[in-house]
Protein backbone atom coordinates (compact mmCIF):
# COMPACT_ATOMS: atom_id res chain seq x y z
CA MET A 1 26.69 60.94 133.98
CA LEU A 2 27.48 64.04 131.92
CA ASP A 3 31.13 63.02 131.74
CA ARG A 4 30.18 59.62 130.32
CA VAL A 5 27.87 61.25 127.77
CA ASN A 6 30.60 63.67 126.71
CA ASN A 7 33.15 60.89 126.48
CA TYR A 8 30.81 58.95 124.23
CA LEU A 9 29.91 61.91 122.02
CA PHE A 10 33.49 63.13 121.61
CA THR A 11 35.13 59.78 120.97
CA ARG A 12 36.78 59.97 117.58
CA VAL A 13 35.42 57.64 114.88
CA ASP A 14 36.19 57.20 111.20
CA ASN A 15 34.64 59.87 108.94
CA ALA A 16 34.34 57.91 105.68
CA GLY A 17 30.52 57.87 105.76
CA LEU A 18 30.29 61.63 106.32
CA VAL A 19 32.83 62.40 103.59
CA LEU A 20 31.08 60.19 101.04
CA PHE A 21 27.72 61.67 101.99
CA ARG A 22 29.13 65.17 101.43
CA ILE A 23 30.11 64.21 97.89
CA ALA A 24 26.73 62.61 97.15
CA PHE A 25 24.84 65.43 98.85
CA GLY A 26 26.76 68.11 96.93
CA PHE A 27 25.98 66.33 93.67
CA LEU A 28 22.28 66.11 94.54
CA LEU A 29 22.16 69.77 95.60
CA THR A 30 23.64 70.69 92.23
CA VAL A 31 21.04 68.56 90.44
CA GLU A 32 18.28 70.18 92.52
CA ALA A 33 19.40 73.71 91.63
CA TYR A 34 19.92 73.24 87.90
CA GLY A 35 17.03 70.78 87.64
CA ALA A 36 14.70 73.42 89.08
CA ILE A 37 15.64 75.68 86.18
CA ALA A 38 15.56 72.98 83.50
CA THR A 39 12.19 71.51 84.51
CA GLY A 40 10.48 74.90 84.76
CA TRP A 41 10.08 74.71 88.55
CA VAL A 42 11.69 78.12 89.02
CA GLU A 43 9.45 79.64 86.37
CA ARG A 44 6.22 78.08 87.68
CA THR A 45 6.94 78.69 91.34
CA LEU A 46 8.90 81.93 91.56
CA VAL A 47 8.82 83.81 88.24
CA GLU A 48 5.32 83.34 86.87
CA PRO A 49 3.24 84.19 89.99
CA GLU A 50 2.31 87.78 90.69
CA PHE A 51 3.03 87.13 94.36
CA THR A 52 4.05 84.11 96.39
CA PHE A 53 2.43 82.55 99.44
CA ASN A 54 5.26 83.12 101.89
CA PHE A 55 5.52 81.44 105.22
CA ILE A 56 3.54 83.93 107.28
CA GLY A 57 5.94 86.40 108.87
CA PHE A 58 8.49 86.15 106.06
CA GLU A 59 6.77 88.41 103.55
CA PHE A 60 10.00 90.41 103.21
CA LEU A 61 11.46 87.47 101.27
CA GLN A 62 10.38 88.03 97.68
CA PRO A 63 11.58 86.54 94.37
CA LEU A 64 14.10 88.62 92.47
CA PRO A 65 12.68 90.47 89.46
CA GLY A 66 13.32 89.62 85.83
CA ASN A 67 15.77 86.78 85.36
CA GLY A 68 17.00 87.16 88.93
CA MET A 69 15.74 83.81 90.17
CA TYR A 70 17.38 81.93 87.32
CA ILE A 71 20.70 83.52 88.26
CA TYR A 72 19.92 82.80 91.92
CA PHE A 73 19.51 79.07 91.26
CA ALA A 74 22.56 79.01 88.99
CA VAL A 75 24.63 80.37 91.88
CA MET A 76 23.11 77.74 94.16
CA GLY A 77 24.24 75.12 91.68
CA ILE A 78 27.80 76.47 91.83
CA PHE A 79 27.71 76.19 95.63
CA GLY A 80 26.53 72.60 95.23
CA ILE A 81 29.51 71.80 92.99
CA LEU A 82 31.89 73.37 95.51
CA VAL A 83 30.34 71.32 98.31
CA MET A 84 30.81 68.15 96.27
CA LEU A 85 34.46 69.05 95.60
CA GLY A 86 35.02 70.19 99.17
CA TYR A 87 36.34 73.62 98.21
CA LYS A 88 35.86 76.41 100.75
CA TYR A 89 33.47 73.85 102.15
CA ARG A 90 31.84 75.63 105.07
CA TRP A 91 31.34 78.85 103.11
CA SER A 92 29.95 76.96 100.13
CA MET A 93 27.63 74.87 102.29
CA ALA A 94 26.49 77.94 104.21
CA GLY A 95 25.83 79.78 100.95
CA TYR A 96 23.61 76.98 99.66
CA ALA A 97 21.87 76.60 103.03
CA LEU A 98 21.05 80.31 103.23
CA MET A 99 19.81 80.53 99.65
CA TRP A 100 17.70 77.37 99.93
CA THR A 101 16.21 78.57 103.22
CA CYS A 102 15.14 81.81 101.56
CA VAL A 103 13.52 79.87 98.69
CA TYR A 104 11.80 77.58 101.16
CA LEU A 105 10.37 80.45 103.21
CA MET A 106 9.34 82.67 100.29
CA GLN A 107 6.83 80.18 98.88
CA LYS A 108 4.53 77.42 100.11
CA SER A 109 2.89 76.45 96.82
CA SER A 110 5.55 73.79 96.36
CA TYR A 111 5.88 72.88 100.02
CA ASN A 112 6.77 69.34 100.88
CA ASN A 113 8.55 67.67 103.75
CA HIS A 114 11.48 66.81 101.50
CA TYR A 115 12.31 70.49 101.05
CA TYR A 116 12.10 71.00 104.81
CA LEU A 117 14.46 68.08 105.42
CA MET A 118 16.82 69.46 102.82
CA MET A 119 16.88 72.79 104.64
CA LEU A 120 17.69 71.08 107.94
CA LEU A 121 20.40 68.96 106.35
CA THR A 122 22.10 71.88 104.61
CA TRP A 123 22.46 73.76 107.90
CA MET A 124 23.49 70.57 109.67
CA MET A 125 26.20 69.97 107.10
CA VAL A 126 27.54 73.50 107.62
CA LEU A 127 28.45 72.44 111.14
CA LEU A 128 29.87 69.01 110.33
CA PRO A 129 33.56 68.39 109.47
CA ALA A 130 32.70 66.85 106.11
CA ALA A 131 35.74 68.09 104.16
CA GLY A 132 38.38 66.30 106.20
CA ARG A 133 39.44 64.20 103.23
CA MET A 134 38.67 63.66 99.55
CA SER A 135 38.31 67.42 99.30
CA LEU A 136 40.15 70.29 97.67
CA ASP A 137 40.37 71.96 101.07
CA ALA A 138 42.39 69.01 102.45
CA LYS A 139 44.51 68.79 99.31
CA LEU A 140 45.35 72.49 99.25
CA ASN A 141 45.98 72.60 103.00
CA PRO A 142 47.17 69.18 104.26
CA GLN A 143 46.94 70.40 107.86
CA ARG A 144 43.17 70.27 107.49
CA LYS A 145 43.17 66.62 106.51
CA SER A 146 41.53 64.31 108.99
CA ILE A 147 40.23 60.76 108.80
CA SER A 148 38.21 60.99 112.01
CA MET A 149 35.34 62.96 113.49
CA PRO A 150 33.58 63.13 116.88
CA ARG A 151 30.84 60.54 117.35
CA TRP A 152 28.21 63.24 117.99
CA VAL A 153 28.15 63.81 114.21
CA SER A 154 26.65 60.36 113.67
CA VAL A 155 24.33 60.76 116.66
CA LEU A 156 22.96 63.99 115.20
CA VAL A 157 22.33 62.61 111.71
CA VAL A 158 20.96 59.24 112.84
CA GLY A 159 18.79 60.93 115.47
CA GLN A 160 17.31 63.25 112.86
CA LEU A 161 16.60 60.37 110.48
CA LEU A 162 15.02 58.29 113.24
CA ILE A 163 12.65 61.17 114.03
CA VAL A 164 11.76 61.72 110.38
CA PHE A 165 10.97 58.12 109.49
CA THR A 166 9.29 57.23 112.79
CA TYR A 167 6.86 60.14 112.59
CA ALA A 168 6.23 59.37 108.91
CA ALA A 169 5.16 55.87 109.94
CA ILE A 170 3.00 56.99 112.87
CA ALA A 171 1.19 59.58 110.76
CA LYS A 172 0.06 56.84 108.36
CA ILE A 173 -1.76 54.94 111.07
CA TYR A 174 -5.27 56.22 110.42
CA PRO A 175 -8.32 54.56 108.78
CA ASP A 176 -8.09 55.98 105.27
CA TRP A 177 -4.49 54.86 104.96
CA LEU A 178 -4.99 51.47 106.59
CA ASP A 179 -7.87 50.48 104.31
CA GLY A 180 -5.96 51.48 101.17
CA THR A 181 -8.21 54.44 100.30
CA VAL A 182 -5.37 56.96 100.07
CA THR A 183 -3.05 54.78 98.01
CA ARG A 184 -5.95 53.83 95.72
CA ILE A 185 -6.66 57.52 95.08
CA PHE A 186 -2.97 58.21 94.48
CA MET A 187 -2.75 55.40 91.94
CA ARG A 188 -5.77 56.54 89.91
CA GLY A 189 -3.63 59.20 88.29
CA LYS A 190 -0.94 56.66 87.38
CA ALA A 191 -3.11 54.37 85.21
CA HIS A 192 -1.51 55.75 82.03
CA TYR A 193 2.02 54.75 83.10
CA TRP A 194 3.75 52.48 80.64
CA LEU A 195 4.04 48.85 81.76
CA ILE A 196 3.02 49.36 85.41
CA GLY A 197 -0.11 51.51 85.01
CA ASP A 198 -2.60 48.62 85.14
CA PHE A 199 -0.64 46.89 87.89
CA LEU A 200 -0.93 50.00 90.07
CA GLN A 201 -4.73 49.81 89.94
CA LEU A 202 -4.96 46.41 91.67
CA PRO A 203 -6.59 46.53 95.17
CA TRP A 204 -3.96 44.27 96.74
CA VAL A 205 -1.25 46.60 95.44
CA HIS A 206 -2.94 49.54 97.21
CA LEU A 207 -3.03 47.65 100.51
CA GLY A 208 0.52 46.39 100.01
CA MET A 209 1.78 49.92 99.42
CA ALA A 210 -0.06 51.19 102.49
CA TYR A 211 1.33 48.61 104.91
CA PHE A 212 4.78 48.39 103.36
CA GLY A 213 5.00 52.19 103.70
CA ILE A 214 4.26 52.02 107.43
CA LEU A 215 6.60 49.12 108.12
CA PHE A 216 9.42 50.54 106.03
CA ASP A 217 9.32 53.95 107.69
CA LEU A 218 9.07 52.41 111.15
CA LEU A 219 11.81 49.80 110.79
CA VAL A 220 14.35 51.02 108.23
CA ILE A 221 16.54 52.99 110.67
CA PRO A 222 16.55 50.28 113.39
CA MET A 223 17.38 47.72 110.66
CA TYR A 224 20.27 49.88 109.47
CA LEU A 225 21.57 50.12 113.04
CA TRP A 226 21.64 46.35 113.51
CA ARG A 227 24.53 44.82 111.59
CA LYS A 228 22.67 41.60 110.75
CA THR A 229 19.84 43.41 108.94
CA ARG A 230 21.86 46.27 107.44
CA TRP A 231 22.09 44.88 103.91
CA LEU A 232 18.41 43.92 103.98
CA ALA A 233 17.59 47.50 105.01
CA PHE A 234 19.68 48.78 102.12
CA GLY A 235 17.93 46.48 99.63
CA LEU A 236 14.49 47.51 100.88
CA SER A 237 15.57 51.15 100.77
CA LEU A 238 16.67 50.82 97.15
CA PHE A 239 13.34 49.25 96.19
CA PHE A 240 11.20 51.68 98.20
CA HIS A 241 12.88 54.89 97.10
CA LEU A 242 13.37 53.95 93.45
CA PHE A 243 9.72 52.90 93.28
CA ASN A 244 8.70 56.27 94.75
CA SER A 245 10.96 58.08 92.29
CA ALA A 246 9.47 56.24 89.33
CA VAL A 247 5.84 56.56 90.43
CA PHE A 248 5.68 59.92 92.20
CA HIS A 249 8.51 61.89 90.54
CA ILE A 250 9.63 63.55 93.78
CA GLY A 251 13.00 64.93 92.74
CA ILE A 252 16.22 64.19 94.60
CA PHE A 253 14.64 62.97 97.85
CA PRO A 254 14.65 59.24 97.03
CA TYR A 255 18.32 59.38 96.07
CA MET A 256 19.21 61.46 99.12
CA SER A 257 17.44 58.85 101.26
CA ILE A 258 19.44 56.07 99.62
CA ALA A 259 22.63 58.04 100.36
CA PHE A 260 21.74 58.07 104.08
CA ALA A 261 22.94 54.44 104.11
CA LEU A 262 26.50 55.84 104.14
CA PHE A 263 26.05 56.74 107.81
CA PHE A 264 25.30 53.14 108.79
CA PHE A 265 27.75 50.88 106.97
CA SER A 266 31.12 50.25 108.56
CA SER A 267 34.04 52.40 107.52
CA GLU A 268 35.91 49.27 106.45
CA THR A 269 33.14 48.49 103.96
CA LEU A 270 32.93 52.06 102.67
CA VAL A 271 36.67 52.53 102.28
CA LYS A 272 37.05 49.18 100.53
CA ARG A 273 34.27 49.91 98.04
CA PHE A 274 34.58 53.67 97.46
CA MET A 275 37.90 54.92 98.88
CA PRO A 276 40.53 52.22 98.22
CA GLN A 277 43.41 54.70 98.49
CA GLU A 278 42.30 55.89 101.93
CA GLU A 279 42.95 54.40 105.35
CA VAL A 280 40.49 53.60 108.11
CA TYR A 281 40.76 55.33 111.47
CA GLN A 282 41.47 52.64 114.05
CA GLY A 283 41.66 54.67 117.23
CA ASN A 284 39.09 55.50 119.90
CA GLU A 285 40.63 58.70 121.22
CA VAL A 286 38.44 61.09 123.24
CA ARG A 287 39.00 64.75 122.48
CA LEU A 288 37.00 67.09 124.68
CA PRO A 289 37.06 70.64 123.31
CA LYS A 290 36.34 73.64 125.49
CA THR A 291 32.92 73.84 123.85
CA ALA A 292 32.00 70.24 124.75
CA ALA A 293 29.27 71.19 127.23
CA PHE A 294 27.75 73.69 124.81
CA THR A 295 27.84 71.19 121.92
CA THR A 296 26.20 68.46 124.01
CA THR A 297 23.49 70.85 125.19
CA ALA A 298 22.87 72.20 121.69
CA LEU A 299 22.62 68.66 120.32
CA ALA A 300 20.08 67.68 122.97
CA VAL A 301 18.01 70.84 122.53
CA TYR A 302 17.91 70.45 118.74
CA LEU A 303 16.78 66.82 118.87
CA ILE A 304 14.17 67.62 121.53
CA ILE A 305 12.77 70.40 119.32
CA GLN A 306 12.67 68.06 116.35
CA PHE A 307 10.91 65.45 118.50
CA ALA A 308 8.38 68.00 119.80
CA LEU A 309 7.44 69.85 116.60
CA PRO A 310 5.47 66.97 115.04
CA LEU A 311 3.42 66.64 118.23
CA ARG A 312 2.05 70.17 118.23
CA HIS A 313 -1.08 69.40 116.19
CA TRP A 314 -2.32 67.22 119.07
CA PHE A 315 -2.64 70.41 121.15
CA ILE A 316 -4.81 72.13 118.52
CA ALA A 317 -8.56 71.74 118.89
CA GLU A 318 -9.44 70.38 115.44
CA PRO A 319 -7.86 67.46 113.51
CA VAL A 320 -4.84 68.36 111.41
CA LEU A 321 -6.28 66.37 108.50
CA TRP A 322 -9.07 68.96 108.35
CA THR A 323 -7.45 72.27 109.32
CA GLU A 324 -3.83 71.71 108.20
CA GLU A 325 -2.78 73.48 111.42
CA GLY A 326 0.39 71.77 112.57
CA HIS A 327 0.78 69.85 109.32
CA ARG A 328 4.01 71.44 108.16
CA LEU A 329 7.35 70.57 109.79
CA SER A 330 5.80 67.35 111.07
CA TRP A 331 6.86 64.64 108.58
CA ARG A 332 3.26 64.01 107.52
CA MET A 333 4.27 62.77 104.09
CA MET A 334 1.81 61.94 101.28
CA LEU A 335 -1.03 61.11 103.65
CA ARG A 336 -4.15 62.44 102.00
CA THR A 337 -5.72 63.92 98.93
CA LYS A 338 -7.72 67.13 99.02
CA SER A 339 -9.67 69.24 96.58
CA GLY A 340 -11.44 72.51 97.18
CA ARG A 341 -13.87 75.06 95.78
CA VAL A 342 -13.38 78.69 96.71
CA ILE A 343 -15.46 81.81 96.10
CA TYR A 344 -14.36 85.19 97.48
CA TYR A 345 -16.73 88.07 98.11
CA ILE A 346 -15.94 91.67 98.91
CA VAL A 347 -18.13 94.24 100.62
CA ASP A 348 -17.31 97.92 100.22
CA LYS A 349 -17.54 99.44 103.69
CA ALA A 350 -18.74 102.67 102.09
CA ASP A 351 -21.71 100.87 100.55
CA PRO A 352 -24.79 101.49 102.74
CA ASN A 353 -26.40 98.30 101.39
CA LYS A 354 -23.36 96.15 102.24
CA LYS A 355 -23.76 94.28 99.00
CA LYS A 356 -21.58 91.20 98.55
CA ILE A 357 -19.80 91.10 95.20
CA ALA A 358 -18.05 87.98 93.92
CA TYR A 359 -14.35 88.66 93.40
CA ASN A 360 -12.40 87.34 90.41
CA TYR A 361 -9.34 86.19 92.33
CA LYS A 362 -8.15 83.64 89.76
CA ASP A 363 -6.36 86.31 87.76
CA LEU A 364 -4.11 86.86 90.78
CA LEU A 365 -2.85 83.28 90.81
CA SER A 366 -0.73 81.07 88.63
CA LYS A 367 -2.09 77.66 87.67
CA LYS A 368 0.19 76.03 90.24
CA GLN A 369 -0.97 78.37 93.01
CA TYR A 370 -4.62 77.86 92.12
CA ARG A 371 -4.28 74.10 92.43
CA SER A 372 -2.50 74.24 95.77
CA PHE A 373 -4.22 77.03 97.71
CA ARG A 374 -7.88 75.93 97.72
CA THR A 375 -7.70 73.53 100.67
CA LYS A 376 -5.29 75.33 102.97
CA PRO A 377 -6.70 77.87 105.45
CA ASP A 378 -3.47 79.88 105.73
CA PHE A 379 -3.31 80.29 101.94
CA ILE A 380 -6.97 81.31 101.86
CA TRP A 381 -6.34 83.86 104.61
CA GLN A 382 -3.25 85.21 102.83
CA LEU A 383 -5.14 85.69 99.57
CA ALA A 384 -7.90 87.52 101.45
CA GLN A 385 -5.24 89.86 102.83
CA ARG A 386 -3.90 90.33 99.33
CA ILE A 387 -7.35 91.16 97.94
CA HIS A 388 -7.87 93.69 100.73
CA GLN A 389 -4.52 95.33 99.91
CA ILE A 390 -5.28 95.49 96.17
CA GLU A 391 -8.64 97.14 96.80
CA LYS A 392 -7.07 99.53 99.30
CA GLU A 393 -4.63 100.66 96.62
CA LYS A 394 -7.68 101.44 94.47
CA GLY A 395 -9.06 103.64 97.23
CA LYS A 396 -11.58 101.14 98.61
CA ASP A 397 -11.81 99.79 102.13
CA VAL A 398 -13.40 96.36 101.78
CA GLU A 399 -14.37 93.37 103.84
CA VAL A 400 -13.35 90.00 102.38
CA TYR A 401 -15.38 86.84 102.84
CA ALA A 402 -14.86 83.36 101.46
CA THR A 403 -17.04 80.35 100.79
CA VAL A 404 -14.73 77.36 100.86
CA ARG A 405 -15.71 73.73 100.54
CA ILE A 406 -13.14 70.97 100.67
CA LYS A 407 -13.10 67.27 100.03
CA VAL A 408 -10.70 65.00 101.93
CA ASN A 409 -9.79 61.61 100.48
CA ALA A 410 -12.99 59.88 99.33
CA GLY A 411 -15.33 62.08 101.36
CA ASP A 412 -17.85 64.68 100.29
CA TYR A 413 -17.42 68.44 100.11
CA HIS A 414 -17.87 70.25 103.42
CA LEU A 415 -17.72 73.92 104.39
CA LEU A 416 -14.28 74.80 105.76
CA ILE A 417 -14.35 78.55 106.50
CA ASP A 418 -16.91 80.56 108.45
CA GLU A 419 -18.62 82.56 105.70
CA LYS A 420 -19.56 85.34 108.14
CA VAL A 421 -15.99 86.20 109.10
CA ASP A 422 -14.19 89.06 107.40
CA LEU A 423 -10.87 87.41 106.64
CA ALA A 424 -9.23 90.77 106.05
CA ALA A 425 -9.94 91.73 109.67
CA VAL A 426 -8.66 88.62 111.47
CA SER A 427 -5.10 87.55 112.18
CA TRP A 428 -3.41 84.23 111.66
CA ASP A 429 -2.47 82.36 114.84
CA HIS A 430 0.59 80.16 114.40
CA ILE A 431 0.14 78.26 117.64
CA LYS A 432 -3.54 77.95 118.49
CA HIS A 433 -6.56 76.96 116.44
CA ASN A 434 -7.95 79.75 114.26
CA PRO A 435 -11.63 79.88 115.24
CA TRP A 436 -12.85 81.00 111.81
CA ILE A 437 -11.92 77.54 110.52
CA LEU A 438 -15.11 75.56 111.07
CA PRO A 439 -15.11 72.38 113.19
CA ALA A 440 -14.50 69.18 111.30
CA PRO A 441 -17.72 67.38 110.35
CA GLU A 442 -18.11 63.87 111.68
CA ASN A 443 -16.54 61.27 109.36
CA PHE A 444 -15.57 64.00 106.92
CA THR A 445 -13.32 61.66 104.92
CA GLN A 446 -16.22 59.29 104.22
CA PRO A 447 -19.03 59.77 101.66
CA ARG A 448 -22.42 60.65 103.08
CA PRO A 449 -24.80 57.66 103.06
CA THR A 450 -27.54 57.73 100.43
CA PRO A 451 -31.13 57.91 101.68
CA SER A 452 -31.54 54.17 101.03
CA GLU A 453 -28.53 53.45 103.25
CA GLN A 454 -29.78 55.54 106.17
């Protein structure tokens, strides 16, 4: 059995799709780096804040002072150009992957699943032989030129995409998405859009977006895999991702998703349309390297981990829609809207009366951080730790309490955090439910009935 698996994974196939994706990916990475500077993303996310909400455990990753982060992203952009050109490919790709990973882990205010996928893909591409042709590496050293690659490359990429899109579809199957509530709320803020603003307010459009989103995510990869529906999948992908780009302004992700099509079309089609001077690999040679067993095992372990991570919230006591525990790294994309109201109180332990004093925490946050932190328990906990540290530096040992009310989708505000718990004295549990997050109220995404309705 293992021999047959290895023979399948290490059969050589044409590498046109991978090579073209490297070029497109390098271009998009360059746009991401320089676009982050040009649009003010670097300033708002990494320069302006007094401190960043790191992924807990990665507090040692801090933005560079002064103009350091602008230089940092400029260097990332250079790496992106080198990836696109295929020059010193693995070093360039590894440089971008490392720098993007640090950016990803040093802040959560701008977290989204697209950035997580980008991190996975950059490290994936480090390992893939994507500079075999149409690269400066192959031109400068013809011995490196290759028009083939092992089939496990396609298995890895397609397997990752199947996990991403399948979980994105499954996560949408809940009442507030199915009845169009979430898409209706999303579209409220788009009413001012030129030409399509009024159209986006129509109830049937909200339902259409909701169900098309589920069906697209669920079926697009299987449709790409079947030759007879491949062009239909590509057409739907163009529509879906360009619509998302125009309406939601989500950076390079829609275009990166369109570029994934390169892994599904035949090499004959790709070479004819994009590489007319190149040849197509016609062989089916099996090359088993000494590391074949390790590669096969590593591939299986990676895909199993990616399959398992989005399931972890089912093993946490309270719903992820309420607590956010298990939300990240799970392909739960654009599923809900939340707003929150937060008041912090401190109690000086040296005060015999234990008087609670409201704390002006807003001065500690940028506008972007203030908007994003109010509904997320880990952010709220991190800011409590920060307040405790600030007061400690002033010579005070304080307890930190928070009154937090959140609103999910069209529901009412409900209390999220136990007001009696000193958040400076508790730890954050990455795996289990944090008991100071209150249980989810029944039907918390629905408005409370009025007295006349009861």
